[in-house]
PDB file of all heavy atoms in Angstrom:
ATOM      1  N   THR A   1     110.524 103.862  98.789  1.00  0.00           N
ATOM      2  CA  THR A   1     110.627 102.482  98.318  1.00  0.00           C
ATOM      3  C   THR A   1     110.122 102.324  96.890  1.00  0.00           C
ATOM      4  O   THR A   1     110.754 101.694  96.055  1.00  0.00           O
ATOM      5  CB  THR A   1     109.819 101.557  99.253  1.00  0.00           C
ATOM      6  OG1 THR A   1     110.326 101.705 100.570  1.00  0.00           O
ATOM      7  CG2 THR A   1     109.932 100.122  98.806  1.00  0.00           C
ATOM      8  N   GLN A   2     108.971 102.912  96.594  1.00  0.00           N
ATOM      9  CA  GLN A   2     108.383 102.728  95.277  1.00  0.00           C
ATOM     10  C   GLN A   2     109.244 103.322  94.177  1.00  0.00           C
ATOM     11  O   GLN A   2     109.093 102.988  93.019  1.00  0.00           O
ATOM     12  CB  GLN A   2     106.991 103.384  95.220  1.00  0.00           C
ATOM     13  CG  GLN A   2     105.992 102.712  96.149  1.00  0.00           C
ATOM     14  CD  GLN A   2     105.939 103.404  97.494  1.00  0.00           C
ATOM     15  OE1 GLN A   2     106.970 103.842  97.995  1.00  0.00           O
ATOM     16  NE2 GLN A   2     104.759 103.500  98.083  1.00  0.00           N
ATOM     17  N   GLN A   3     110.152 104.226  94.533  1.00  0.00           N
ATOM     18  CA  GLN A   3     110.965 104.904  93.530  1.00  0.00           C
ATOM     19  C   GLN A   3     112.440 104.557  93.680  1.00  0.00           C
ATOM     20  O   GLN A   3     113.302 105.271  93.199  1.00  0.00           O
ATOM     21  CB  GLN A   3     110.772 106.420  93.661  1.00  0.00           C
ATOM     22  CG  GLN A   3     109.327 106.848  93.440  1.00  0.00           C
ATOM     23  CD  GLN A   3     109.115 108.311  93.779  1.00  0.00           C
ATOM     24  OE1 GLN A   3     109.828 108.860  94.605  1.00  0.00           O
ATOM     25  NE2 GLN A   3     108.137 108.926  93.157  1.00  0.00           N
ATOM     26  N   ALA A   4     112.696 103.422  94.336  1.00  0.00           N
ATOM     27  CA  ALA A   4     114.091 103.082  94.625  1.00  0.00           C
ATOM     28  C   ALA A   4     114.912 102.929  93.354  1.00  0.00           C
ATOM     29  O   ALA A   4     116.111 103.172  93.347  1.00  0.00           O
ATOM     30  CB  ALA A   4     114.149 101.800  95.453  1.00  0.00           C
ATOM     31  N   ALA A   5     114.257 102.517  92.262  1.00  0.00           N
ATOM     32  CA  ALA A   5     115.008 102.332  91.020  1.00  0.00           C
ATOM     33  C   ALA A   5     115.520 103.653  90.473  1.00  0.00           C
ATOM     34  O   ALA A   5     116.501 103.704  89.752  1.00  0.00           O
ATOM     35  CB  ALA A   5     114.127 101.640  89.985  1.00  0.00           C
ATOM     36  N   ARG A   6     114.846 104.757  90.835  1.00  0.00           N
ATOM     37  CA  ARG A   6     115.300 106.092  90.421  1.00  0.00           C
ATOM     38  C   ARG A   6     116.080 106.675  91.586  1.00  0.00           C
ATOM     39  O   ARG A   6     115.557 107.392  92.412  1.00  0.00           O
ATOM     40  CB  ARG A   6     114.105 106.956  90.049  1.00  0.00           C
ATOM     41  CG  ARG A   6     113.239 106.360  88.952  1.00  0.00           C
ATOM     42  CD  ARG A   6     111.968 107.178  88.759  1.00  0.00           C
ATOM     43  NE  ARG A   6     112.284 108.548  88.374  1.00  0.00           N
ATOM     44  CZ  ARG A   6     111.367 109.499  88.254  1.00  0.00           C
ATOM     45  NH1 ARG A   6     110.106 109.227  88.493  1.00  0.00           N
ATOM     46  NH2 ARG A   6     111.725 110.722  87.912  1.00  0.00           N
ATOM     47  N   ALA A   7     117.339 106.371  91.636  1.00  0.00           N
ATOM     48  CA  ALA A   7     118.116 106.521  92.860  1.00  0.00           C
ATOM     49  C   ALA A   7     118.240 107.944  93.383  1.00  0.00           C
ATOM     50  O   ALA A   7     118.938 108.181  94.345  1.00  0.00           O
ATOM     51  CB  ALA A   7     119.518 105.945  92.646  1.00  0.00           C
ATOM     52  N   ASP A   8     117.596 108.927  92.741  1.00  0.00           N
ATOM     53  CA  ASP A   8     117.712 110.299  93.230  1.00  0.00           C
ATOM     54  C   ASP A   8     116.456 110.770  93.942  1.00  0.00           C
ATOM     55  O   ASP A   8     116.361 111.932  94.316  1.00  0.00           O
ATOM     56  CB  ASP A   8     118.012 111.240  92.058  1.00  0.00           C
ATOM     57  CG  ASP A   8     116.924 111.169  90.985  1.00  0.00           C
ATOM     58  OD1 ASP A   8     116.154 110.191  91.002  1.00  0.00           O
ATOM     59  OD2 ASP A   8     116.859 112.089  90.153  1.00  0.00           O
ATOM     60  N   ARG A   9     115.448 109.909  94.138  1.00  0.00           N
ATOM     61  CA  ARG A   9     114.205 110.333  94.756  1.00  0.00           C
ATOM     62  C   ARG A   9     114.238 110.000  96.242  1.00  0.00           C
ATOM     63  O   ARG A   9     114.333 108.842  96.626  1.00  0.00           O
ATOM     64  CB  ARG A   9     113.004 109.640  94.091  1.00  0.00           C
ATOM     65  CG  ARG A   9     112.856 109.954  92.614  1.00  0.00           C
ATOM     66  CD  ARG A   9     112.673 111.445  92.357  1.00  0.00           C
ATOM     67  NE  ARG A   9     111.487 111.966  93.008  1.00  0.00           N
ATOM     68  CZ  ARG A   9     110.277 111.975  92.455  1.00  0.00           C
ATOM     69  NH1 ARG A   9     110.096 111.492  91.246  1.00  0.00           N
ATOM     70  NH2 ARG A   9     109.245 112.491  93.106  1.00  0.00           N
ATOM     71  N   HIS A  10     114.158 111.016  97.063  1.00  0.00           N
ATOM     72  CA  HIS A  10     114.182 110.786  98.499  1.00  0.00           C
ATOM     73  C   HIS A  10     113.243 111.771  99.179  1.00  0.00           C
ATOM     74  O   HIS A  10     112.767 112.737  98.587  1.00  0.00           O
ATOM     75  CB  HIS A  10     115.604 110.931  99.057  1.00  0.00           C
ATOM     76  CG  HIS A  10     116.187 112.298  98.860  1.00  0.00           C
ATOM     77  ND1 HIS A  10     116.941 112.625  97.756  1.00  0.00           N
ATOM     78  CD2 HIS A  10     116.107 113.426  99.618  1.00  0.00           C
ATOM     79  CE1 HIS A  10     117.324 113.884  97.833  1.00  0.00           C
ATOM     80  NE2 HIS A  10     116.822 114.408  98.950  1.00  0.00           N
ATOM     81  N   VAL A  11     112.944 111.474 100.462  1.00  0.00           N
ATOM     82  CA  VAL A  11     112.087 112.354 101.250  1.00  0.00           C
ATOM     83  C   VAL A  11     112.758 112.591 102.598  1.00  0.00           C
ATOM     84  O   VAL A  11     113.643 111.839 103.013  1.00  0.00           O
ATOM     85  CB  VAL A  11     110.685 111.736 101.468  1.00  0.00           C
ATOM     86  CG1 VAL A  11     109.966 111.537 100.152  1.00  0.00           C
ATOM     87  CG2 VAL A  11     110.794 110.411 102.230  1.00  0.00           C
ATOM     88  N   TYR A  12     112.333 113.663 103.252  1.00  0.00           N
ATOM     89  CA  TYR A  12     112.781 113.931 104.612  1.00  0.00           C
ATOM     90  C   TYR A  12     111.653 113.564 105.562  1.00  0.00           C
ATOM     91  O   TYR A  12     110.477 113.761 105.262  1.00  0.00           O
ATOM     92  CB  TYR A  12     113.145 115.408 104.772  1.00  0.00           C
ATOM     93  CG  TYR A  12     114.388 115.793 104.025  1.00  0.00           C
ATOM     94  CD1 TYR A  12     114.313 116.309 102.732  1.00  0.00           C
ATOM     95  CD2 TYR A  12     115.638 115.623 104.601  1.00  0.00           C
ATOM     96  CE1 TYR A  12     115.454 116.658 102.033  1.00  0.00           C
ATOM     97  CE2 TYR A  12     116.785 115.974 103.914  1.00  0.00           C
ATOM     98  CZ  TYR A  12     116.688 116.480 102.639  1.00  0.00           C
ATOM     99  OH  TYR A  12     117.828 116.818 101.954  1.00  0.00           O
ATOM    100  N   ALA A  13     111.996 113.004 106.708  1.00  0.00           N
ATOM    101  CA  ALA A  13     110.960 112.588 107.657  1.00  0.00           C
ATOM    102  C   ALA A  13     111.485 112.723 109.066  1.00  0.00           C
ATOM    103  O   ALA A  13     112.695 112.753 109.310  1.00  0.00           O
ATOM    104  CB  ALA A  13     110.536 111.144 107.391  1.00  0.00           C
ATOM    105  N   GLY A  14     110.559 112.788 109.986  1.00  0.00           N
ATOM    106  CA  GLY A  14     110.908 112.864 111.394  1.00  0.00           C
ATOM    107  C   GLY A  14     110.631 111.559 112.111  1.00  0.00           C
ATOM    108  O   GLY A  14     110.116 110.604 111.526  1.00  0.00           O
ATOM    109  N   ARG A  15     110.956 111.533 113.363  1.00  0.00           N
ATOM    110  CA  ARG A  15     110.734 110.363 114.206  1.00  0.00           C
ATOM    111  C   ARG A  15     109.271 109.926 114.119  1.00  0.00           C
ATOM    112  O   ARG A  15     108.363 110.742 113.989  1.00  0.00           O
ATOM    113  CB  ARG A  15     111.100 110.722 115.640  1.00  0.00           C
ATOM    114  CG  ARG A  15     111.001 109.578 116.630  1.00  0.00           C
ATOM    115  CD  ARG A  15     111.314 110.053 118.043  1.00  0.00           C
ATOM    116  NE  ARG A  15     110.284 110.966 118.547  1.00  0.00           N
ATOM    117  CZ  ARG A  15     110.549 112.172 119.039  1.00  0.00           C
ATOM    118  NH1 ARG A  15     111.793 112.630 119.066  1.00  0.00           N
ATOM    119  NH2 ARG A  15     109.570 112.934 119.478  1.00  0.00           N
ATOM    120  N   THR A  16     109.034 108.628 114.208  1.00  0.00           N
ATOM    121  CA  THR A  16     107.684 108.100 114.142  1.00  0.00           C
ATOM    122  C   THR A  16     106.762 108.796 115.134  1.00  0.00           C
ATOM    123  O   THR A  16     107.150 109.112 116.265  1.00  0.00           O
ATOM    124  CB  THR A  16     107.658 106.580 114.403  1.00  0.00           C
ATOM    125  OG1 THR A  16     106.299 106.136 114.442  1.00  0.00           O
ATOM    126  CG2 THR A  16     108.329 106.229 115.717  1.00  0.00           C
ATOM    127  N   ARG A  17     105.521 109.004 114.722  1.00  0.00           N
ATOM    128  CA  ARG A  17     104.524 109.645 115.580  1.00  0.00           C
ATOM    129  C   ARG A  17     104.184 108.789 116.802  1.00  0.00           C
ATOM    130  O   ARG A  17     103.583 109.271 117.749  1.00  0.00           O
ATOM    131  CB  ARG A  17     103.237 109.881 114.781  1.00  0.00           C
ATOM    132  CG  ARG A  17     102.455 108.630 114.439  1.00  0.00           C
ATOM    133  CD  ARG A  17     101.342 108.874 113.455  1.00  0.00           C
ATOM    134  NE  ARG A  17     101.871 109.147 112.125  1.00  0.00           N
ATOM    135  CZ  ARG A  17     101.087 109.352 111.062  1.00  0.00           C
ATOM    136  NH1 ARG A  17      99.777 109.329 111.191  1.00  0.00           N
ATOM    137  NH2 ARG A  17     101.637 109.581 109.883  1.00  0.00           N
ATOM    138  N   PHE A  18     104.572 107.501 116.779  1.00  0.00           N
ATOM    139  CA  PHE A  18     104.241 106.613 117.893  1.00  0.00           C
ATOM    140  C   PHE A  18     105.130 106.842 119.117  1.00  0.00           C
ATOM    141  O   PHE A  18     104.889 106.268 120.175  1.00  0.00           O
ATOM    142  CB  PHE A  18     104.327 105.147 117.454  1.00  0.00           C
ATOM    143  CG  PHE A  18     103.397 104.803 116.322  1.00  0.00           C
ATOM    144  CD1 PHE A  18     103.818 103.986 115.280  1.00  0.00           C
ATOM    145  CD2 PHE A  18     102.112 105.292 116.292  1.00  0.00           C
ATOM    146  CE1 PHE A  18     102.972 103.664 114.242  1.00  0.00           C
ATOM    147  CE2 PHE A  18     101.248 104.982 115.252  1.00  0.00           C
ATOM    148  CZ  PHE A  18     101.683 104.167 114.225  1.00  0.00           C
ATOM    149  N   ILE A  19     106.185 107.630 118.971  1.00  0.00           N
ATOM    150  CA  ILE A  19     107.050 107.986 120.100  1.00  0.00           C
ATOM    151  C   ILE A  19     107.001 109.502 120.246  1.00  0.00           C
ATOM    152  O   ILE A  19     107.652 110.236 119.493  1.00  0.00           O
ATOM    153  CB  ILE A  19     108.496 107.509 119.873  1.00  0.00           C
ATOM    154  CG1 ILE A  19     108.536 105.987 119.698  1.00  0.00           C
ATOM    155  CG2 ILE A  19     109.385 107.929 121.036  1.00  0.00           C
ATOM    156  CD1 ILE A  19     109.920 105.437 119.383  1.00  0.00           C
ATOM    157  N   ASP A  20     106.177 109.976 121.183  1.00  0.00           N
ATOM    158  CA  ASP A  20     106.055 111.424 121.343  1.00  0.00           C
ATOM    159  C   ASP A  20     107.226 111.965 122.160  1.00  0.00           C
ATOM    160  O   ASP A  20     108.115 111.220 122.581  1.00  0.00           O
ATOM    161  CB  ASP A  20     104.702 111.795 121.964  1.00  0.00           C
ATOM    162  CG  ASP A  20     104.512 111.219 123.364  1.00  0.00           C
ATOM    163  OD1 ASP A  20     105.515 110.882 124.032  1.00  0.00           O
ATOM    164  OD2 ASP A  20     103.346 111.110 123.802  1.00  0.00           O
ATOM    165  N   THR A  21     107.213 113.263 122.389  1.00  0.00           N
ATOM    166  CA  THR A  21     108.353 113.904 123.060  1.00  0.00           C
ATOM    167  C   THR A  21     108.571 113.358 124.458  1.00  0.00           C
ATOM    168  O   THR A  21     109.714 113.108 124.885  1.00  0.00           O
ATOM    169  CB  THR A  21     108.129 115.423 123.113  1.00  0.00           C
ATOM    170  OG1 THR A  21     107.953 115.921 121.778  1.00  0.00           O
ATOM    171  CG2 THR A  21     109.315 116.126 123.754  1.00  0.00           C
ATOM    172  N   ALA A  22     107.473 113.152 125.196  1.00  0.00           N
ATOM    173  CA  ALA A  22     107.602 112.626 126.559  1.00  0.00           C
ATOM    174  C   ALA A  22     108.179 111.220 126.552  1.00  0.00           C
ATOM    175  O   ALA A  22     109.036 110.871 127.372  1.00  0.00           O
ATOM    176  CB  ALA A  22     106.243 112.655 127.256  1.00  0.00           C
ATOM    177  N   ASP A  23     107.708 110.380 125.627  1.00  0.00           N
ATOM    178  CA  ASP A  23     108.214 109.006 125.556  1.00  0.00           C
ATOM    179  C   ASP A  23     109.657 108.972 125.067  1.00  0.00           C
ATOM    180  O   ASP A  23     110.450 108.120 125.487  1.00  0.00           O
ATOM    181  CB  ASP A  23     107.331 108.171 124.620  1.00  0.00           C
ATOM    182  CG  ASP A  23     105.915 108.023 125.147  1.00  0.00           C
ATOM    183  OD1 ASP A  23     105.729 108.156 126.373  1.00  0.00           O
ATOM    184  OD2 ASP A  23     104.995 107.779 124.341  1.00  0.00           O
ATOM    185  N   ALA A  24     110.009 109.905 124.183  1.00  0.00           N
ATOM    186  CA  ALA A  24     111.383 109.944 123.674  1.00  0.00           C
ATOM    187  C   ALA A  24     112.380 110.225 124.787  1.00  0.00           C
ATOM    188  O   ALA A  24     113.549 109.821 124.708  1.00  0.00           O
ATOM    189  CB  ALA A  24     111.505 111.000 122.577  1.00  0.00           C
ATOM    190  N   ALA A  25     111.939 110.908 125.852  1.00  0.00           N
ATOM    191  CA  ALA A  25     112.840 111.221 126.963  1.00  0.00           C
ATOM    192  C   ALA A  25     113.290 109.968 127.706  1.00  0.00           C
ATOM    193  O   ALA A  25     114.257 110.014 128.479  1.00  0.00           O
ATOM    194  CB  ALA A  25     112.144 112.181 127.928  1.00  0.00           C
ATOM    195  N   ARG A  26     112.601 108.858 127.492  1.00  0.00           N
ATOM    196  CA  ARG A  26     112.990 107.600 128.154  1.00  0.00           C
ATOM    197  C   ARG A  26     114.187 106.942 127.481  1.00  0.00           C
ATOM    198  O   ARG A  26     114.729 105.969 127.994  1.00  0.00           O
ATOM    199  CB  ARG A  26     111.808 106.621 128.153  1.00  0.00           C
ATOM    200  CG  ARG A  26     110.557 107.137 128.871  1.00  0.00           C
ATOM    201  CD  ARG A  26     109.396 106.162 128.669  1.00  0.00           C
ATOM    202  NE  ARG A  26     108.166 106.628 129.277  1.00  0.00           N
ATOM    203  CZ  ARG A  26     107.772 106.335 130.524  1.00  0.00           C
ATOM    204  NH1 ARG A  26     108.548 105.570 131.277  1.00  0.00           N
ATOM    205  NH2 ARG A  26     106.642 106.793 131.001  1.00  0.00           N
ATOM    206  N   PHE A  27     114.572 107.425 126.295  1.00  0.00           N
ATOM    207  CA  PHE A  27     115.671 106.836 125.534  1.00  0.00           C
ATOM    208  C   PHE A  27     116.954 107.632 125.745  1.00  0.00           C
ATOM    209  O   PHE A  27     116.921 108.829 126.041  1.00  0.00           O
ATOM    210  CB  PHE A  27     115.356 106.864 124.029  1.00  0.00           C
ATOM    211  CG  PHE A  27     114.262 105.942 123.578  1.00  0.00           C
ATOM    212  CD1 PHE A  27     112.931 106.326 123.669  1.00  0.00           C
ATOM    213  CD2 PHE A  27     114.554 104.706 123.036  1.00  0.00           C
ATOM    214  CE1 PHE A  27     111.916 105.496 123.221  1.00  0.00           C
ATOM    215  CE2 PHE A  27     113.552 103.870 122.587  1.00  0.00           C
ATOM    216  CZ  PHE A  27     112.231 104.269 122.683  1.00  0.00           C
TER     217      PHE A  27
END
């Protein structure tokens, strides 16, 4: 977000830590 004006800056991320593997199985 802070670098949105520089349209080439991005990051890779995974699923939020608030949904662990066991909880993800409910979806």
